[in-house]
Amino acid sequence: MLSFFRRSQGRPQRRALPVVAPATSATPTPAGPACTLASCRAGSWATVMEVRCGDQEACRLRALGLCEGARVNVVDARNAVLLEVRGTRIALGRALGAGITVRPIEANASGVNTIGGAVPGATAPAR
């Protein structure tokens, strides 16, 4: 019998995924204290600093675009956390949201955030 069709003995070994440091860019690090994603208010923007959860959950979140350095919009934060990440909405439970460390991005009155870009959805004040 071919070795391809043989049943493996015991549990198959997992390959470890390489840990990749977030890419550095020309934009400065967002200001403000770090907090968990579950504690962010609805309508706020944040940058993901660290993803602390199980290996499978972390791999799936990174595949969906929720990785270190990603900018997220907290759409709703009632029973679960509803996020907008790179144009896609993702719902996370409170427990999973508590394992993700973010740094909030503050927006000033003109709708421009502190890291130098316009906050999507923000409107400039009437002149």
Protein backbone atom coordinates (compact mmCIF):
# COMPACT_ATOMS: atom_id res chain seq x y z
CA MET A 1 0.00 0.00 0.00
CA LEU A 2 1.22 3.46 -0.78
CA SER A 3 2.39 5.49 2.17
CA PHE A 4 0.02 8.27 1.12
CA PHE A 5 -3.03 6.13 1.99
CA ARG A 6 -1.74 4.76 5.28
CA ARG A 7 -3.25 6.02 8.47
CA SER A 8 -0.86 7.98 10.58
CA GLN A 9 0.01 6.61 13.96
CA GLY A 10 -1.14 8.91 16.74
CA ARG A 11 -1.78 12.57 16.38
CA PRO A 12 -0.31 14.34 13.33
CA GLN A 13 2.37 16.88 14.12
CA ARG A 14 1.57 20.50 13.44
CA ARG A 15 3.93 22.72 11.59
CA ALA A 16 4.73 25.87 13.48
CA LEU A 17 3.91 29.08 11.64
CA PRO A 18 6.72 31.60 11.56
CA VAL A 19 6.28 34.67 13.73
CA VAL A 20 6.45 37.74 11.54
CA ALA A 21 7.10 41.13 13.05
CA PRO A 22 4.71 43.86 11.92
CA ALA A 23 6.02 45.89 9.02
CA THR A 24 7.34 49.28 9.94
CA SER A 25 5.94 52.14 7.95
CA ALA A 26 6.42 55.86 7.63
CA THR A 27 3.34 56.61 9.75
CA PRO A 28 4.01 57.18 13.44
CA THR A 29 2.61 54.93 16.15
CA PRO A 30 -0.87 55.98 17.26
CA ALA A 31 -1.04 57.98 20.47
CA GLY A 32 -2.90 56.87 23.56
CA PRO A 33 -2.76 54.06 26.08
CA ALA A 34 -3.15 50.46 24.95
CA CYS A 35 -6.37 48.66 25.90
CA THR A 36 -8.28 45.54 24.92
CA LEU A 37 -10.52 45.46 21.89
CA ALA A 38 -13.48 44.48 24.08
CA SER A 39 -13.18 47.74 26.03
CA CYS A 40 -13.31 50.02 22.94
CA ARG A 41 -16.44 52.05 22.29
CA ALA A 42 -18.58 51.78 19.19
CA GLY A 43 -17.44 54.16 16.45
CA SER A 44 -13.82 54.27 17.58
CA TRP A 45 -10.77 53.44 15.48
CA ALA A 46 -7.76 51.51 16.77
CA THR A 47 -4.54 49.86 15.65
CA VAL A 48 -3.97 46.22 16.64
CA MET A 49 -0.84 45.87 18.76
CA GLU A 50 -0.98 42.21 19.84
CA VAL A 51 -3.18 39.15 19.27
CA ARG A 52 -3.16 36.84 22.31
CA CYS A 53 -5.37 33.79 21.82
CA GLY A 54 -5.08 30.16 20.82
CA ASP A 55 -2.96 29.17 17.83
CA GLN A 56 -5.93 28.25 15.67
CA GLU A 57 -7.87 31.42 16.51
CA ALA A 58 -4.81 33.63 15.92
CA CYS A 59 -4.14 31.97 12.55
CA ARG A 60 -7.77 32.43 11.47
CA LEU A 61 -7.87 36.08 12.60
CA ARG A 62 -4.66 36.82 10.71
CA ALA A 63 -6.10 35.15 7.62
CA LEU A 64 -9.12 37.48 7.90
CA GLY A 65 -6.83 40.52 8.07
CA LEU A 66 -6.90 41.12 11.82
CA CYS A 67 -3.16 41.11 12.45
CA GLU A 68 -0.64 43.30 14.25
CA GLY A 69 -0.59 46.76 12.71
CA ALA A 70 -4.08 46.53 11.17
CA ARG A 71 -6.42 49.50 11.62
CA VAL A 72 -9.89 48.48 12.80
CA ASN A 73 -13.17 50.32 13.26
CA VAL A 74 -15.36 49.19 16.16
CA VAL A 75 -18.84 49.24 14.59
CA ASP A 76 -20.76 47.83 17.56
CA ALA A 77 -19.68 46.75 21.04
CA ARG A 78 -22.72 45.37 22.85
CA ASN A 79 -22.76 41.60 23.42
CA ALA A 80 -20.02 40.90 20.89
CA VAL A 81 -17.53 43.18 19.14
CA LEU A 82 -18.39 43.97 15.52
CA LEU A 83 -15.32 45.24 13.64
CA GLU A 84 -14.60 46.58 10.21
CA VAL A 85 -11.18 45.42 9.06
CA ARG A 86 -9.95 46.31 5.56
CA GLY A 87 -13.50 46.69 4.26
CA THR A 88 -14.83 43.48 5.85
CA ARG A 89 -17.02 43.20 8.94
CA ILE A 90 -16.01 40.60 11.51
CA ALA A 91 -17.90 39.72 14.70
CA LEU A 92 -15.86 38.52 17.69
CA GLY A 93 -17.04 37.30 21.07
CA ARG A 94 -16.14 39.30 24.18
CA ALA A 95 -13.63 36.66 25.35
CA LEU A 96 -11.74 36.75 22.06
CA GLY A 97 -11.90 40.55 21.96
CA ALA A 98 -10.37 40.68 25.45
CA GLY A 99 -7.28 38.86 24.12
CA ILE A 100 -6.56 41.47 21.45
CA THR A 101 -4.56 44.53 22.53
CA VAL A 102 -5.17 47.73 20.56
CA ARG A 103 -4.12 51.35 20.69
CA PRO A 104 -6.99 53.80 20.02
CA ILE A 105 -6.61 56.38 17.25
CA GLU A 106 -7.90 59.78 18.27
CA ALA A 107 -9.64 62.06 15.76
CA ASN A 108 -9.60 65.82 16.08
CA ALA A 109 -12.51 68.14 15.23
CA SER A 110 -11.65 68.30 11.52
CA GLY A 111 -12.01 64.52 11.09
CA VAL A 112 -8.26 63.91 10.78
CA ASN A 113 -6.72 61.33 13.08
CA THR A 114 -3.49 61.90 14.97
CA ILE A 115 -1.44 59.68 12.67
CA GLY A 116 -2.04 61.93 9.69
CA GLY A 117 -4.94 60.53 7.68
CA ALA A 118 -8.62 61.19 7.35
CA VAL A 119 -10.81 58.98 9.53
CA PRO A 120 -13.28 57.25 7.19
CA GLY A 121 -16.83 58.28 7.98
CA ALA A 122 -15.81 61.42 9.87
CA THR A 123 -17.26 64.69 8.66
CA ALA A 124 -15.53 68.03 8.77
CA PRO A 125 -17.30 70.78 10.71
CA ALA A 126 -19.44 73.25 8.72
CA ARG A 127 -17.76 76.57 7.96
